PDB file of N, CA and C in Angstrom:
ATOM      1  N   MET A   1     -34.222  23.965   3.987  1.00  0.00           N
ATOM      2  CA  MET A   1     -33.318  22.918   4.397  1.00  0.00           C
ATOM      3  C   MET A   1     -32.127  23.034   3.501  1.00  0.00           C
ATOM      4  N   THR A   2     -30.895  22.984   4.180  1.00  0.00           N
ATOM      5  CA  THR A   2     -29.740  23.019   3.490  1.00  0.00           C
ATOM      6  C   THR A   2     -29.297  21.615   2.850  1.00  0.00           C
ATOM      7  N   ALA A   3     -29.248  21.655   1.668  1.00  0.00           N
ATOM      8  CA  ALA A   3     -28.944  20.400   0.821  1.00  0.00           C
ATOM      9  C   ALA A   3     -27.363  20.168   0.843  1.00  0.00           C
ATOM     10  N   ILE A   4     -26.408  21.272   0.481  1.00  0.00           N
ATOM     11  CA  ILE A   4     -25.203  21.174   0.364  1.00  0.00           C
ATOM     12  C   ILE A   4     -24.532  22.374   1.052  1.00  0.00           C
ATOM     13  N   HIS A   5     -23.655  22.188   1.851  1.00  0.00           N
ATOM     14  CA  HIS A   5     -22.929  23.497   2.480  1.00  0.00           C
ATOM     15  C   HIS A   5     -21.559  23.112   2.674  1.00  0.00           C
ATOM     16  N   LEU A   6     -20.703  23.771   1.866  1.00  0.00           N
ATOM     17  CA  LEU A   6     -19.106  23.800   1.866  1.00  0.00           C
ATOM     18  C   LEU A   6     -18.571  24.990   2.403  1.00  0.00           C
ATOM     19  N   THR A   7     -17.721  24.906   3.304  1.00  0.00           N
ATOM     20  CA  THR A   7     -16.942  26.024   3.882  1.00  0.00           C
ATOM     21  C   THR A   7     -15.518  25.986   3.687  1.00  0.00           C
ATOM     22  N   ASP A   8     -14.944  26.936   2.854  1.00  0.00           N
ATOM     23  CA  ASP A   8     -13.405  27.094   2.730  1.00  0.00           C
ATOM     24  C   ASP A   8     -12.843  25.703   2.254  1.00  0.00           C
ATOM     25  N   ILE A   9     -13.316  25.032   1.308  1.00  0.00           N
ATOM     26  CA  ILE A   9     -12.610  23.741   0.878  1.00  0.00           C
ATOM     27  C   ILE A   9     -11.562  24.167  -0.154  1.00  0.00           C
ATOM     28  N   SER A  10     -10.547  23.291  -0.248  1.00  0.00           N
ATOM     29  CA  SER A  10      -9.634  23.501  -1.239  1.00  0.00           C
ATOM     30  C   SER A  10      -8.861  22.043  -1.630  1.00  0.00           C
ATOM     31  N   VAL A  11      -8.450  21.925  -2.739  1.00  0.00           N
ATOM     32  CA  VAL A  11      -7.925  20.597  -2.983  1.00  0.00           C
ATOM     33  C   VAL A  11      -6.586  20.925  -3.847  1.00  0.00           C
ATOM     34  N   SER A  12      -5.541  20.153  -3.240  1.00  0.00           N
ATOM     35  CA  SER A  12      -4.231  20.232  -3.891  1.00  0.00           C
ATOM     36  C   SER A  12      -3.667  18.763  -4.192  1.00  0.00           C
ATOM     37  N   TYR A  13      -2.948  18.625  -5.250  1.00  0.00           N
ATOM     38  CA  TYR A  13      -2.220  17.451  -5.565  1.00  0.00           C
ATOM     39  C   TYR A  13      -0.776  17.817  -5.512  1.00  0.00           C
ATOM     40  N   ASP A  14      -0.092  17.175  -4.548  1.00  0.00           N
ATOM     41  CA  ASP A  14       1.290  17.554  -4.343  1.00  0.00           C
ATOM     42  C   ASP A  14       1.300  19.056  -4.035  1.00  0.00           C
ATOM     43  N   ASN A  15       1.952  19.910  -4.933  1.00  0.00           N
ATOM     44  CA  ASN A  15       1.975  21.302  -4.528  1.00  0.00           C
ATOM     45  C   ASN A  15       0.996  22.172  -5.358  1.00  0.00           C
ATOM     46  N   PRO A  16       0.622  21.994  -6.601  1.00  0.00           N
ATOM     47  CA  PRO A  16      -0.358  22.860  -7.173  1.00  0.00           C
ATOM     48  C   PRO A  16      -1.827  22.745  -6.664  1.00  0.00           C
ATOM     49  N   ARG A  17      -2.310  23.827  -6.428  1.00  0.00           N
ATOM     50  CA  ARG A  17      -3.808  23.822  -5.910  1.00  0.00           C
ATOM     51  C   ARG A  17      -4.792  23.765  -7.170  1.00  0.00           C
ATOM     52  N   VAL A  18      -5.644  22.896  -7.094  1.00  0.00           N
ATOM     53  CA  VAL A  18      -6.504  22.783  -8.110  1.00  0.00           C
ATOM     54  C   VAL A  18      -7.854  23.255  -7.953  1.00  0.00           C
ATOM     55  N   LEU A  19      -8.191  23.538  -6.713  1.00  0.00           N
ATOM     56  CA  LEU A  19      -9.436  24.093  -6.352  1.00  0.00           C
ATOM     57  C   LEU A  19      -9.388  24.848  -5.129  1.00  0.00           C
ATOM     58  N   GLY A  20     -10.107  26.027  -5.056  1.00  0.00           N
ATOM     59  CA  GLY A  20     -10.273  26.698  -3.771  1.00  0.00           C
ATOM     60  C   GLY A  20      -9.435  27.869  -3.446  1.00  0.00           C
ATOM     61  N   PRO A  21      -9.622  28.309  -2.410  1.00  0.00           N
ATOM     62  CA  PRO A  21     -10.671  28.028  -1.345  1.00  0.00           C
ATOM     63  C   PRO A  21     -12.049  28.374  -1.848  1.00  0.00           C
ATOM     64  N   LEU A  22     -13.006  27.665  -1.516  1.00  0.00           N
ATOM     65  CA  LEU A  22     -14.481  27.716  -2.097  1.00  0.00           C
ATOM     66  C   LEU A  22     -15.385  27.567  -0.974  1.00  0.00           C
ATOM     67  N   SER A  23     -16.380  28.557  -1.003  1.00  0.00           N
ATOM     68  CA  SER A  23     -17.526  28.268   0.073  1.00  0.00           C
ATOM     69  C   SER A  23     -18.830  28.218  -0.848  1.00  0.00           C
ATOM     70  N   LEU A  24     -19.843  27.377  -0.418  1.00  0.00           N
ATOM     71  CA  LEU A  24     -21.025  27.253  -1.229  1.00  0.00           C
ATOM     72  C   LEU A  24     -22.197  26.721  -0.399  1.00  0.00           C
ATOM     73  N   LYS A  25     -23.276  27.249  -0.545  1.00  0.00           N
ATOM     74  CA  LYS A  25     -24.546  26.838   0.104  1.00  0.00           C
ATOM     75  C   LYS A  25     -25.713  26.658  -0.794  1.00  0.00           C
ATOM     76  N   LEU A  26     -26.193  25.598  -0.891  1.00  0.00           N
ATOM     77  CA  LEU A  26     -27.435  25.286  -1.681  1.00  0.00           C
ATOM     78  C   LEU A  26     -28.495  24.720  -0.791  1.00  0.00           C
ATOM     79  N   THR A  27     -29.661  25.200  -0.944  1.00  0.00           N
ATOM     80  CA  THR A  27     -30.837  24.700  -0.223  1.00  0.00           C
ATOM     81  C   THR A  27     -31.631  23.828  -1.181  1.00  0.00           C
ATOM     82  N   SER A  28     -32.425  22.997  -0.431  1.00  0.00           N
ATOM     83  CA  SER A  28     -33.275  22.155  -1.322  1.00  0.00           C
ATOM     84  C   SER A  28     -34.195  22.959  -2.266  1.00  0.00           C
ATOM     85  N   GLY A  29     -34.200  22.566  -3.465  1.00  0.00           N
ATOM     86  CA  GLY A  29     -34.958  23.157  -4.510  1.00  0.00           C
ATOM     87  C   GLY A  29     -34.156  24.205  -5.343  1.00  0.00           C
ATOM     88  N   ASP A  30     -32.856  24.537  -4.966  1.00  0.00           N
ATOM     89  CA  ASP A  30     -31.927  25.221  -5.712  1.00  0.00           C
ATOM     90  C   ASP A  30     -31.532  24.645  -6.981  1.00  0.00           C
ATOM     91  N   PHE A  31     -31.159  25.384  -7.900  1.00  0.00           N
ATOM     92  CA  PHE A  31     -30.600  24.958  -9.205  1.00  0.00           C
ATOM     93  C   PHE A  31     -29.273  25.619  -9.393  1.00  0.00           C
ATOM     94  N   ALA A  32     -28.280  24.834  -9.680  1.00  0.00           N
ATOM     95  CA  ALA A  32     -26.838  25.484  -9.889  1.00  0.00           C
ATOM     96  C   ALA A  32     -26.145  24.841 -11.054  1.00  0.00           C
ATOM     97  N   VAL A  33     -25.429  25.720 -11.799  1.00  0.00           N
ATOM     98  CA  VAL A  33     -24.736  25.280 -12.909  1.00  0.00           C
ATOM     99  C   VAL A  33     -23.272  25.603 -12.656  1.00  0.00           C
ATOM    100  N   VAL A  34     -22.401  24.560 -12.929  1.00  0.00           N
ATOM    101  CA  VAL A  34     -20.921  24.712 -12.751  1.00  0.00           C
ATOM    102  C   VAL A  34     -20.290  24.788 -14.184  1.00  0.00           C
ATOM    103  N   PHE A  35     -19.675  25.891 -14.486  1.00  0.00           N
ATOM    104  CA  PHE A  35     -19.095  26.028 -15.799  1.00  0.00           C
ATOM    105  C   PHE A  35     -17.904  27.069 -15.645  1.00  0.00           C
ATOM    106  N   ASP A  36     -16.898  26.824 -16.407  1.00  0.00           N
ATOM    107  CA  ASP A  36     -15.758  27.620 -16.593  1.00  0.00           C
ATOM    108  C   ASP A  36     -14.740  26.988 -17.679  1.00  0.00           C
ATOM    109  N   LYS A  37     -13.623  27.503 -17.804  1.00  0.00           N
ATOM    110  CA  LYS A  37     -12.774  26.944 -18.799  1.00  0.00           C
ATOM    111  C   LYS A  37     -12.334  25.655 -18.463  1.00  0.00           C
ATOM    112  N   SER A  38     -11.614  24.974 -19.437  1.00  0.00           N
ATOM    113  CA  SER A  38     -11.178  23.655 -19.181  1.00  0.00           C
ATOM    114  C   SER A  38      -9.956  23.625 -18.164  1.00  0.00           C
ATOM    115  N   ASN A  39      -9.917  22.569 -17.356  1.00  0.00           N
ATOM    116  CA  ASN A  39      -8.893  22.366 -16.258  1.00  0.00           C
ATOM    117  C   ASN A  39      -8.829  23.349 -15.277  1.00  0.00           C
ATOM    118  N   CYS A  40     -10.101  23.867 -14.846  1.00  0.00           N
ATOM    119  CA  CYS A  40     -10.121  24.796 -13.659  1.00  0.00           C
ATOM    120  C   CYS A  40     -10.745  24.212 -12.428  1.00  0.00           C
ATOM    121  N   GLY A  41     -10.978  22.849 -12.343  1.00  0.00           N
ATOM    122  CA  GLY A  41     -11.406  22.387 -11.175  1.00  0.00           C
ATOM    123  C   GLY A  41     -12.894  21.895 -11.037  1.00  0.00           C
ATOM    124  N   LYS A  42     -13.652  21.977 -12.155  1.00  0.00           N
ATOM    125  CA  LYS A  42     -15.107  21.698 -12.145  1.00  0.00           C
ATOM    126  C   LYS A  42     -15.410  20.244 -11.699  1.00  0.00           C
ATOM    127  N   SER A  43     -14.741  19.377 -12.380  1.00  0.00           N
ATOM    128  CA  SER A  43     -14.960  17.871 -11.988  1.00  0.00           C
ATOM    129  C   SER A  43     -14.387  17.685 -10.517  1.00  0.00           C
ATOM    130  N   THR A  44     -13.275  18.229 -10.158  1.00  0.00           N
ATOM    131  CA  THR A  44     -12.767  18.121  -8.767  1.00  0.00           C
ATOM    132  C   THR A  44     -13.769  18.425  -7.812  1.00  0.00           C
ATOM    133  N   LEU A  45     -14.580  19.676  -8.005  1.00  0.00           N
ATOM    134  CA  LEU A  45     -15.437  20.060  -7.088  1.00  0.00           C
ATOM    135  C   LEU A  45     -16.589  19.131  -7.028  1.00  0.00           C
ATOM    136  N   LEU A  46     -17.147  18.602  -8.143  1.00  0.00           N
ATOM    137  CA  LEU A  46     -18.250  17.666  -8.197  1.00  0.00           C
ATOM    138  C   LEU A  46     -17.896  16.405  -7.458  1.00  0.00           C
ATOM    139  N   LYS A  47     -16.670  15.947  -7.603  1.00  0.00           N
ATOM    140  CA  LYS A  47     -16.400  14.659  -7.000  1.00  0.00           C
ATOM    141  C   LYS A  47     -16.289  14.971  -5.458  1.00  0.00           C
ATOM    142  N   ARG A  48     -15.675  15.961  -5.002  1.00  0.00           N
ATOM    143  CA  ARG A  48     -15.704  16.284  -3.536  1.00  0.00           C
ATOM    144  C   ARG A  48     -17.107  16.388  -2.926  1.00  0.00           C
ATOM    145  N   VAL A  49     -17.985  16.989  -3.592  1.00  0.00           N
ATOM    146  CA  VAL A  49     -19.410  17.264  -3.097  1.00  0.00           C
ATOM    147  C   VAL A  49     -20.153  15.832  -3.077  1.00  0.00           C
ATOM    148  N   GLY A  50     -19.559  14.889  -4.057  1.00  0.00           N
ATOM    149  CA  GLY A  50     -20.215  13.521  -4.050  1.00  0.00           C
ATOM    150  C   GLY A  50     -21.095  13.346  -5.168  1.00  0.00           C
ATOM    151  N   LEU A  51     -21.211  14.229  -6.197  1.00  0.00           N
ATOM    152  CA  LEU A  51     -22.106  14.191  -7.319  1.00  0.00           C
ATOM    153  C   LEU A  51     -21.579  13.618  -8.579  1.00  0.00           C
ATOM    154  N   ARG A  52     -20.364  13.181  -8.425  1.00  0.00           N
ATOM    155  CA  ARG A  52     -19.714  12.514  -9.612  1.00  0.00           C
ATOM    156  C   ARG A  52     -18.730  11.546  -9.233  1.00  0.00           C
ATOM    157  N   ASP A  53     -18.649  10.501  -9.960  1.00  0.00           N
ATOM    158  CA  ASP A  53     -17.632   9.451  -9.681  1.00  0.00           C
ATOM    159  C   ASP A  53     -16.264   9.879 -10.314  1.00  0.00           C
TER     160      ASP A  53
END
């Protein structure tokens, strides 16, 4: 069963793109880690997926 399925999402604030385009598919039972350098869009991704306020 697919738990999360994102297709070509991107996020922009005014002109600068802060995330994407990104596609992701996680099924039930999958384990994922989101990591990268500071200010690269990790929190923005989690907010869009609904996993973070």
